[in-house]
Structures are given as C-alpha cells and as structure tokens.
Full PDB file with SEQRES, HELIX, SHEET, SSBOND, CRYST1, ORIGX, SCALE, CONECT and MASTER records, all heavy atoms in Angstrom:
SEQRES   1 A   32  LEU ILE ILE ARG VAL GLU ASP GLN GLY LEU GLY MET HIS          
SEQRES   2 A   32  LYS ALA THR GLY ALA GLU ARG GLN GLY THR GLY PHE GLY          
SEQRES   3 A   32  LEU SER SER VAL ARG GLU                                      
HELIX    1 AA1 GLY A   26  ARG A   31  1                                   6    
CRYST1    1.000    1.000    1.000  90.00  90.00  90.00 P 1           1          
ORIGX1      1.000000  0.000000  0.000000        0.00000                         
ORIGX2      0.000000  1.000000  0.000000        0.00000                         
ORIGX3      0.000000  0.000000  1.000000        0.00000                         
SCALE1      1.000000  0.000000  0.000000        0.00000                         
SCALE2      0.000000  1.000000  0.000000        0.00000                         
SCALE3      0.000000  0.000000  1.000000        0.00000                         
ATOM      1  N   LEU A   1     150.448 128.386 -13.651  1.00  0.00           N  
ATOM      2  CA  LEU A   1     151.267 127.534 -12.798  1.00  0.00           C  
ATOM      3  C   LEU A   1     151.705 126.388 -13.689  1.00  0.00           C  
ATOM      4  O   LEU A   1     150.868 125.655 -14.229  1.00  0.00           O  
ATOM      5  CB  LEU A   1     150.464 127.007 -11.609  1.00  0.00           C  
ATOM      6  CG  LEU A   1     151.206 126.014 -10.708  1.00  0.00           C  
ATOM      7  CD1 LEU A   1     152.435 126.667 -10.080  1.00  0.00           C  
ATOM      8  CD2 LEU A   1     150.276 125.470  -9.658  1.00  0.00           C  
ATOM      9  N   ILE A   2     152.988 126.240 -13.900  1.00  0.00           N  
ATOM     10  CA  ILE A   2     153.526 125.239 -14.816  1.00  0.00           C  
ATOM     11  C   ILE A   2     154.231 124.159 -13.990  1.00  0.00           C  
ATOM     12  O   ILE A   2     155.129 124.452 -13.209  1.00  0.00           O  
ATOM     13  CB  ILE A   2     154.527 125.871 -15.798  1.00  0.00           C  
ATOM     14  CG1 ILE A   2     153.808 126.976 -16.590  1.00  0.00           C  
ATOM     15  CG2 ILE A   2     155.123 124.813 -16.712  1.00  0.00           C  
ATOM     16  CD1 ILE A   2     154.747 127.892 -17.339  1.00  0.00           C  
ATOM     17  N   ILE A   3     153.783 122.927 -14.163  1.00  0.00           N  
ATOM     18  CA  ILE A   3     154.364 121.804 -13.449  1.00  0.00           C  
ATOM     19  C   ILE A   3     154.920 120.831 -14.483  1.00  0.00           C  
ATOM     20  O   ILE A   3     154.184 120.396 -15.397  1.00  0.00           O  
ATOM     21  CB  ILE A   3     153.329 121.099 -12.567  1.00  0.00           C  
ATOM     22  CG1 ILE A   3     152.758 122.089 -11.540  1.00  0.00           C  
ATOM     23  CG2 ILE A   3     153.936 119.880 -11.872  1.00  0.00           C  
ATOM     24  CD1 ILE A   3     151.597 121.556 -10.760  1.00  0.00           C  
ATOM     25  N   ARG A   4     156.174 120.477 -14.373  1.00  0.00           N  
ATOM     26  CA  ARG A   4     156.804 119.538 -15.300  1.00  0.00           C  
ATOM     27  C   ARG A   4     156.968 118.206 -14.584  1.00  0.00           C  
ATOM     28  O   ARG A   4     157.540 118.142 -13.492  1.00  0.00           O  
ATOM     29  CB  ARG A   4     158.142 120.062 -15.745  1.00  0.00           C  
ATOM     30  CG  ARG A   4     158.817 119.134 -16.709  1.00  0.00           C  
ATOM     31  CD  ARG A   4     160.125 119.712 -17.170  1.00  0.00           C  
ATOM     32  NE  ARG A   4     160.796 118.756 -18.040  1.00  0.00           N  
ATOM     33  CZ  ARG A   4     161.706 119.069 -18.901  1.00  0.00           C  
ATOM     34  NH1 ARG A   4     162.106 120.331 -19.014  1.00  0.00           N  
ATOM     35  NH2 ARG A   4     162.274 118.152 -19.632  1.00  0.00           N  
ATOM     36  N   VAL A   5     156.494 117.153 -15.224  1.00  0.00           N  
ATOM     37  CA  VAL A   5     156.568 115.807 -14.665  1.00  0.00           C  
ATOM     38  C   VAL A   5     157.289 114.921 -15.649  1.00  0.00           C  
ATOM     39  O   VAL A   5     156.967 114.907 -16.845  1.00  0.00           O  
ATOM     40  CB  VAL A   5     155.166 115.235 -14.370  1.00  0.00           C  
ATOM     41  CG1 VAL A   5     155.273 113.825 -13.851  1.00  0.00           C  
ATOM     42  CG2 VAL A   5     154.408 116.131 -13.417  1.00  0.00           C  
ATOM     43  N   GLU A   6     158.285 114.170 -15.179  1.00  0.00           N  
ATOM     44  CA  GLU A   6     158.996 113.212 -16.024  1.00  0.00           C  
ATOM     45  C   GLU A   6     158.895 111.844 -15.379  1.00  0.00           C  
ATOM     46  O   GLU A   6     158.931 111.728 -14.158  1.00  0.00           O  
ATOM     47  CB  GLU A   6     160.458 113.588 -16.153  1.00  0.00           C  
ATOM     48  CG  GLU A   6     160.701 114.894 -16.891  1.00  0.00           C  
ATOM     49  CD  GLU A   6     162.167 115.224 -17.007  1.00  0.00           C  
ATOM     50  OE1 GLU A   6     163.001 114.291 -16.919  1.00  0.00           O  
ATOM     51  OE2 GLU A   6     162.487 116.406 -17.173  1.00  0.00           O  
ATOM     52  N   ASP A   7     158.771 110.827 -16.211  1.00  0.00           N  
ATOM     53  CA  ASP A   7     158.800 109.473 -15.673  1.00  0.00           C  
ATOM     54  C   ASP A   7     159.435 108.541 -16.682  1.00  0.00           C  
ATOM     55  O   ASP A   7     159.773 108.934 -17.790  1.00  0.00           O  
ATOM     56  CB  ASP A   7     157.399 108.998 -15.273  1.00  0.00           C  
ATOM     57  CG  ASP A   7     156.473 108.745 -16.438  1.00  0.00           C  
ATOM     58  OD1 ASP A   7     156.915 108.799 -17.604  1.00  0.00           O  
ATOM     59  OD2 ASP A   7     155.301 108.501 -16.193  1.00  0.00           O  
ATOM     60  N   GLN A   8     159.608 107.326 -16.300  1.00  0.00           N  
ATOM     61  CA  GLN A   8     160.210 106.309 -17.158  1.00  0.00           C  
ATOM     62  C   GLN A   8     159.144 105.353 -17.694  1.00  0.00           C  
ATOM     63  O   GLN A   8     159.436 104.232 -18.065  1.00  0.00           O  
ATOM     64  CB  GLN A   8     161.293 105.535 -16.389  1.00  0.00           C  
ATOM     65  CG  GLN A   8     162.423 106.391 -15.878  1.00  0.00           C  
ATOM     66  CD  GLN A   8     163.182 107.070 -17.008  1.00  0.00           C  
ATOM     67  OE1 GLN A   8     163.467 106.459 -18.019  1.00  0.00           O  
ATOM     68  NE2 GLN A   8     163.488 108.342 -16.821  1.00  0.00           N  
ATOM     69  N   GLY A   9     157.917 105.815 -17.715  1.00  0.00           N  
ATOM     70  CA  GLY A   9     156.801 104.990 -18.140  1.00  0.00           C  
ATOM     71  C   GLY A   9     156.829 104.681 -19.632  1.00  0.00           C  
ATOM     72  O   GLY A   9     157.677 105.143 -20.374  1.00  0.00           O  
ATOM     73  N   LEU A  10     155.862 103.904 -20.051  1.00  0.00           N  
ATOM     74  CA  LEU A  10     155.763 103.486 -21.438  1.00  0.00           C  
ATOM     75  C   LEU A  10     154.552 104.119 -22.124  1.00  0.00           C  
ATOM     76  O   LEU A  10     154.014 103.564 -23.077  1.00  0.00           O  
ATOM     77  CB  LEU A  10     155.650 101.954 -21.498  1.00  0.00           C  
ATOM     78  CG  LEU A  10     156.818 101.197 -20.881  1.00  0.00           C  
ATOM     79  CD1 LEU A  10     156.520  99.707 -20.841  1.00  0.00           C  
ATOM     80  CD2 LEU A  10     158.095 101.475 -21.644  1.00  0.00           C  
ATOM     81  N   GLY A  11     154.168 105.287 -21.682  1.00  0.00           N  
ATOM     82  CA  GLY A  11     152.956 105.906 -22.180  1.00  0.00           C  
ATOM     83  C   GLY A  11     153.020 106.526 -23.549  1.00  0.00           C  
ATOM     84  O   GLY A  11     152.012 106.903 -24.126  1.00  0.00           O  
ATOM     85  N   MET A  12     154.230 106.682 -24.124  1.00  0.00           N  
ATOM     86  CA  MET A  12     154.347 107.324 -25.424  1.00  0.00           C  
ATOM     87  C   MET A  12     155.360 106.582 -26.287  1.00  0.00           C  
ATOM     88  O   MET A  12     156.314 106.034 -25.786  1.00  0.00           O  
ATOM     89  CB  MET A  12     154.853 108.758 -25.272  1.00  0.00           C  
ATOM     90  CG  MET A  12     153.997 109.659 -24.462  1.00  0.00           C  
ATOM     91  SD  MET A  12     154.619 111.308 -24.598  1.00  0.00           S  
ATOM     92  CE  MET A  12     153.186 112.075 -25.293  1.00  0.00           C  
ATOM     93  N   HIS A  13     155.126 106.638 -27.585  1.00  0.00           N  
ATOM     94  CA  HIS A  13     156.121 106.155 -28.538  1.00  0.00           C  
ATOM     95  C   HIS A  13     157.180 107.239 -28.660  1.00  0.00           C  
ATOM     96  O   HIS A  13     156.853 108.375 -28.992  1.00  0.00           O  
ATOM     97  CB  HIS A  13     155.499 105.896 -29.909  1.00  0.00           C  
ATOM     98  CG  HIS A  13     154.541 104.746 -29.914  1.00  0.00           C  
ATOM     99  ND1 HIS A  13     154.960 103.446 -30.005  1.00  0.00           N  
ATOM    100  CD2 HIS A  13     153.182 104.697 -29.841  1.00  0.00           C  
ATOM    101  CE1 HIS A  13     153.909 102.639 -29.999  1.00  0.00           C  
ATOM    102  NE2 HIS A  13     152.805 103.386 -29.889  1.00  0.00           N  
ATOM    103  N   LYS A  14     158.428 106.903 -28.393  1.00  0.00           N  
ATOM    104  CA  LYS A  14     159.499 107.923 -28.433  1.00  0.00           C  
ATOM    105  C   LYS A  14     159.658 108.563 -29.802  1.00  0.00           C  
ATOM    106  O   LYS A  14     159.893 109.746 -29.917  1.00  0.00           O  
ATOM    107  CB  LYS A  14     160.811 107.330 -27.958  1.00  0.00           C  
ATOM    108  CG  LYS A  14     160.849 107.110 -26.495  1.00  0.00           C  
ATOM    109  CD  LYS A  14     162.242 106.731 -26.038  1.00  0.00           C  
ATOM    110  CE  LYS A  14     162.243 106.589 -24.520  1.00  0.00           C  
ATOM    111  NZ  LYS A  14     163.578 106.347 -23.997  1.00  0.00           N  
ATOM    112  N   ALA A  15     159.536 107.764 -30.851  1.00  0.00           N  
ATOM    113  CA  ALA A  15     159.772 108.282 -32.203  1.00  0.00           C  
ATOM    114  C   ALA A  15     158.673 109.244 -32.656  1.00  0.00           C  
ATOM    115  O   ALA A  15     158.953 110.259 -33.291  1.00  0.00           O  
ATOM    116  CB  ALA A  15     159.894 107.135 -33.187  1.00  0.00           C  
ATOM    117  N   THR A  16     157.418 108.960 -32.332  1.00  0.00           N  
ATOM    118  CA  THR A  16     156.312 109.767 -32.860  1.00  0.00           C  
ATOM    119  C   THR A  16     155.659 110.667 -31.828  1.00  0.00           C  
ATOM    120  O   THR A  16     154.990 111.624 -32.171  1.00  0.00           O  
ATOM    121  CB  THR A  16     155.216 108.842 -33.430  1.00  0.00           C  
ATOM    122  OG1 THR A  16     154.660 108.088 -32.356  1.00  0.00           O  
ATOM    123  CG2 THR A  16     155.755 107.928 -34.512  1.00  0.00           C  
ATOM    124  N   GLY A  17     155.800 110.344 -30.546  1.00  0.00           N  
ATOM    125  CA  GLY A  17     155.139 111.118 -29.501  1.00  0.00           C  
ATOM    126  C   GLY A  17     153.683 110.708 -29.319  1.00  0.00           C  
ATOM    127  O   GLY A  17     152.986 111.286 -28.497  1.00  0.00           O  
ATOM    128  N   ALA A  18     153.221 109.729 -30.095  1.00  0.00           N  
ATOM    129  CA  ALA A  18     151.843 109.272 -29.983  1.00  0.00           C  
ATOM    130  C   ALA A  18     151.657 108.514 -28.663  1.00  0.00           C  
ATOM    131  O   ALA A  18     152.543 107.783 -28.229  1.00  0.00           O  
ATOM    132  CB  ALA A  18     151.489 108.356 -31.148  1.00  0.00           C  
ATOM    133  N   GLU A  19     150.504 108.709 -28.063  1.00  0.00           N  
ATOM    134  CA  GLU A  19     150.218 107.998 -26.814  1.00  0.00           C  
ATOM    135  C   GLU A  19     149.907 106.541 -27.111  1.00  0.00           C  
ATOM    136  O   GLU A  19     149.229 106.207 -28.062  1.00  0.00           O  
ATOM    137  CB  GLU A  19     149.020 108.645 -26.102  1.00  0.00           C  
ATOM    138  CG  GLU A  19     149.329 110.022 -25.587  1.00  0.00           C  
ATOM    139  CD  GLU A  19     148.151 110.651 -24.901  1.00  0.00           C  
ATOM    140  OE1 GLU A  19     147.332 109.913 -24.310  1.00  0.00           O  
ATOM    141  OE2 GLU A  19     148.039 111.879 -24.955  1.00  0.00           O  
ATOM    142  N   ARG A  20     150.418 105.666 -26.250  1.00  0.00           N  
ATOM    143  CA  ARG A  20     150.136 104.249 -26.384  1.00  0.00           C  
ATOM    144  C   ARG A  20     148.816 103.937 -25.684  1.00  0.00           C  
ATOM    145  O   ARG A  20     148.474 104.554 -24.669  1.00  0.00           O  
ATOM    146  CB  ARG A  20     151.236 103.417 -25.725  1.00  0.00           C  
ATOM    147  CG  ARG A  20     152.562 103.554 -26.392  1.00  0.00           C  
ATOM    148  CD  ARG A  20     153.605 102.724 -25.636  1.00  0.00           C  
ATOM    149  NE  ARG A  20     154.917 103.087 -26.065  1.00  0.00           N  
ATOM    150  CZ  ARG A  20     155.760 102.234 -26.626  1.00  0.00           C  
ATOM    151  NH1 ARG A  20     155.408 100.980 -26.800  1.00  0.00           N  
ATOM    152  NH2 ARG A  20     156.951 102.627 -27.011  1.00  0.00           N  
ATOM    153  N   GLN A  21     148.108 102.991 -26.217  1.00  0.00           N  
ATOM    154  CA  GLN A  21     146.870 102.543 -25.586  1.00  0.00           C  
ATOM    155  C   GLN A  21     147.230 101.475 -24.552  1.00  0.00           C  
ATOM    156  O   GLN A  21     147.830 100.482 -24.892  1.00  0.00           O  
ATOM    157  CB  GLN A  21     145.911 101.974 -26.628  1.00  0.00           C  
ATOM    158  CG  GLN A  21     145.471 102.993 -27.671  1.00  0.00           C  
ATOM    159  CD  GLN A  21     144.746 104.171 -27.052  1.00  0.00           C  
ATOM    160  OE1 GLN A  21     143.890 103.997 -26.202  1.00  0.00           O  
ATOM    161  NE2 GLN A  21     145.089 105.377 -27.465  1.00  0.00           N  
ATOM    162  N   GLY A  22     146.889 101.704 -23.314  1.00  0.00           N  
ATOM    163  CA  GLY A  22     147.240 100.773 -22.256  1.00  0.00           C  
ATOM    164  C   GLY A  22     146.065 100.509 -21.353  1.00  0.00           C  
ATOM    165  O   GLY A  22     144.932 100.866 -21.645  1.00  0.00           O  
ATOM    166  N   THR A  23     146.361  99.922 -20.226  1.00  0.00           N  
ATOM    167  CA  THR A  23     145.309  99.586 -19.276  1.00  0.00           C  
ATOM    168  C   THR A  23     145.134 100.677 -18.210  1.00  0.00           C  
ATOM    169  O   THR A  23     144.155 100.627 -17.490  1.00  0.00           O  
ATOM    170  CB  THR A  23     145.625  98.265 -18.588  1.00  0.00           C  
ATOM    171  OG1 THR A  23     146.895  98.380 -17.943  1.00  0.00           O  
ATOM    172  CG2 THR A  23     145.685  97.128 -19.595  1.00  0.00           C  
ATOM    173  N   GLY A  24     146.052 101.626 -18.148  1.00  0.00           N  
ATOM    174  CA  GLY A  24     145.969 102.667 -17.129  1.00  0.00           C  
ATOM    175  C   GLY A  24     145.190 103.886 -17.607  1.00  0.00           C  
ATOM    176  O   GLY A  24     144.684 103.934 -18.720  1.00  0.00           O  
ATOM    177  N   PHE A  25     145.130 104.896 -16.737  1.00  0.00           N  
ATOM    178  CA  PHE A  25     144.419 106.118 -17.049  1.00  0.00           C  
ATOM    179  C   PHE A  25     145.370 107.259 -17.366  1.00  0.00           C  
ATOM    180  O   PHE A  25     145.002 108.176 -18.055  1.00  0.00           O  
ATOM    181  CB  PHE A  25     143.477 106.505 -15.913  1.00  0.00           C  
ATOM    182  CG  PHE A  25     142.372 105.500 -15.697  1.00  0.00           C  
ATOM    183  CD1 PHE A  25     142.462 104.584 -14.688  1.00  0.00           C  
ATOM    184  CD2 PHE A  25     141.301 105.481 -16.547  1.00  0.00           C  
ATOM    185  CE1 PHE A  25     141.460 103.649 -14.504  1.00  0.00           C  
ATOM    186  CE2 PHE A  25     140.291 104.546 -16.384  1.00  0.00           C  
ATOM    187  CZ  PHE A  25     140.374 103.639 -15.355  1.00  0.00           C  
ATOM    188  N   GLY A  26     146.552 107.214 -16.848  1.00  0.00           N  
ATOM    189  CA  GLY A  26     147.643 108.135 -17.163  1.00  0.00           C  
ATOM    190  C   GLY A  26     147.256 109.529 -17.609  1.00  0.00           C  
ATOM    191  O   GLY A  26     146.599 110.272 -16.890  1.00  0.00           O  
ATOM    192  N   LEU A  27     147.707 109.882 -18.809  1.00  0.00           N  
ATOM    193  CA  LEU A  27     147.515 111.243 -19.307  1.00  0.00           C  
ATOM    194  C   LEU A  27     146.056 111.617 -19.516  1.00  0.00           C  
ATOM    195  O   LEU A  27     145.676 112.776 -19.326  1.00  0.00           O  
ATOM    196  CB  LEU A  27     148.289 111.431 -20.606  1.00  0.00           C  
ATOM    197  CG  LEU A  27     149.813 111.471 -20.460  1.00  0.00           C  
ATOM    198  CD1 LEU A  27     150.463 111.456 -21.837  1.00  0.00           C  
ATOM    199  CD2 LEU A  27     150.239 112.681 -19.662  1.00  0.00           C  
ATOM    200  N   SER A  28     145.236 110.672 -19.912  1.00  0.00           N  
ATOM    201  CA  SER A  28     143.826 111.018 -20.118  1.00  0.00           C  
ATOM    202  C   SER A  28     143.178 111.464 -18.811  1.00  0.00           C  
ATOM    203  O   SER A  28     142.363 112.393 -18.781  1.00  0.00           O  
ATOM    204  CB  SER A  28     143.059 109.857 -20.737  1.00  0.00           C  
ATOM    205  OG  SER A  28     143.068 108.724 -19.907  1.00  0.00           O  
ATOM    206  N   SER A  29     143.554 110.838 -17.712  1.00  0.00           N  
ATOM    207  CA  SER A  29     143.027 111.231 -16.407  1.00  0.00           C  
ATOM    208  C   SER A  29     143.541 112.607 -15.995  1.00  0.00           C  
ATOM    209  O   SER A  29     142.773 113.447 -15.508  1.00  0.00           O  
ATOM    210  CB  SER A  29     143.431 110.190 -15.360  1.00  0.00           C  
ATOM    211  OG  SER A  29     142.979 110.583 -14.072  1.00  0.00           O  
ATOM    212  N   VAL A  30     144.803 112.857 -16.227  1.00  0.00           N  
ATOM    213  CA  VAL A  30     145.394 114.159 -15.912  1.00  0.00           C  
ATOM    214  C   VAL A  30     144.721 115.246 -16.729  1.00  0.00           C  
ATOM    215  O   VAL A  30     144.336 116.291 -16.206  1.00  0.00           O  
ATOM    216  CB  VAL A  30     146.916 114.150 -16.149  1.00  0.00           C  
ATOM    217  CG1 VAL A  30     147.492 115.553 -16.051  1.00  0.00           C  
ATOM    218  CG2 VAL A  30     147.605 113.209 -15.184  1.00  0.00           C  
ATOM    219  N   ARG A  31     144.543 114.985 -18.018  1.00  0.00           N  
ATOM    220  CA  ARG A  31     143.898 115.990 -18.891  1.00  0.00           C  
ATOM    221  C   ARG A  31     142.486 116.302 -18.424  1.00  0.00           C  
ATOM    222  O   ARG A  31     142.051 117.445 -18.398  1.00  0.00           O  
ATOM    223  CB  ARG A  31     143.870 115.484 -20.329  1.00  0.00           C  
ATOM    224  CG  ARG A  31     145.187 115.609 -21.021  1.00  0.00           C  
ATOM    225  CD  ARG A  31     145.050 115.334 -22.523  1.00  0.00           C  
ATOM    226  NE  ARG A  31     146.347 115.473 -23.150  1.00  0.00           N  
ATOM    227  CZ  ARG A  31     147.102 114.461 -23.525  1.00  0.00           C  
ATOM    228  NH1 ARG A  31     146.691 113.227 -23.351  1.00  0.00           N  
ATOM    229  NH2 ARG A  31     148.284 114.667 -24.070  1.00  0.00           N  
ATOM    230  N   GLU A  32     141.739 115.275 -18.090  1.00  0.00           N  
ATOM    231  CA  GLU A  32     140.354 115.472 -17.647  1.00  0.00           C  
ATOM    232  C   GLU A  32     140.298 116.287 -16.350  1.00  0.00           C  
ATOM    233  O   GLU A  32     139.495 117.218 -16.226  1.00  0.00           O  
ATOM    234  CB  GLU A  32     139.659 114.137 -17.458  1.00  0.00           C  
ATOM    235  CG  GLU A  32     138.242 114.237 -16.937  1.00  0.00           C  
ATOM    236  CD  GLU A  32     137.293 114.999 -17.841  1.00  0.00           C  
ATOM    237  OE1 GLU A  32     137.575 115.105 -19.058  1.00  0.00           O  
ATOM    238  OE2 GLU A  32     136.263 115.490 -17.333  1.00  0.00           O  
TER     239      GLU A  32                                                      
MASTER        0    0    0    1    0    0    0    6  238    1    0    3          
END                                                                             
C-alpha cells in the first residue's frame, strides 16, 4: 500500500535531501 504525502514544511534541505533537526517528530515518528 503506497501513500504519497506532500507538504510545504521545512523538514528537509531541498539541495541535499538531508532531514533538518527541529522540535517536531515528523518523519522520525512516521518511520517508527
């Protein structure tokens, strides 16, 4: 089951794709 989610958040550096360290749980919570 493939779900695609897009947002306008600031969770990634556009140039490198590296995740930014922030105060939220975002992708780490989804992955877990």
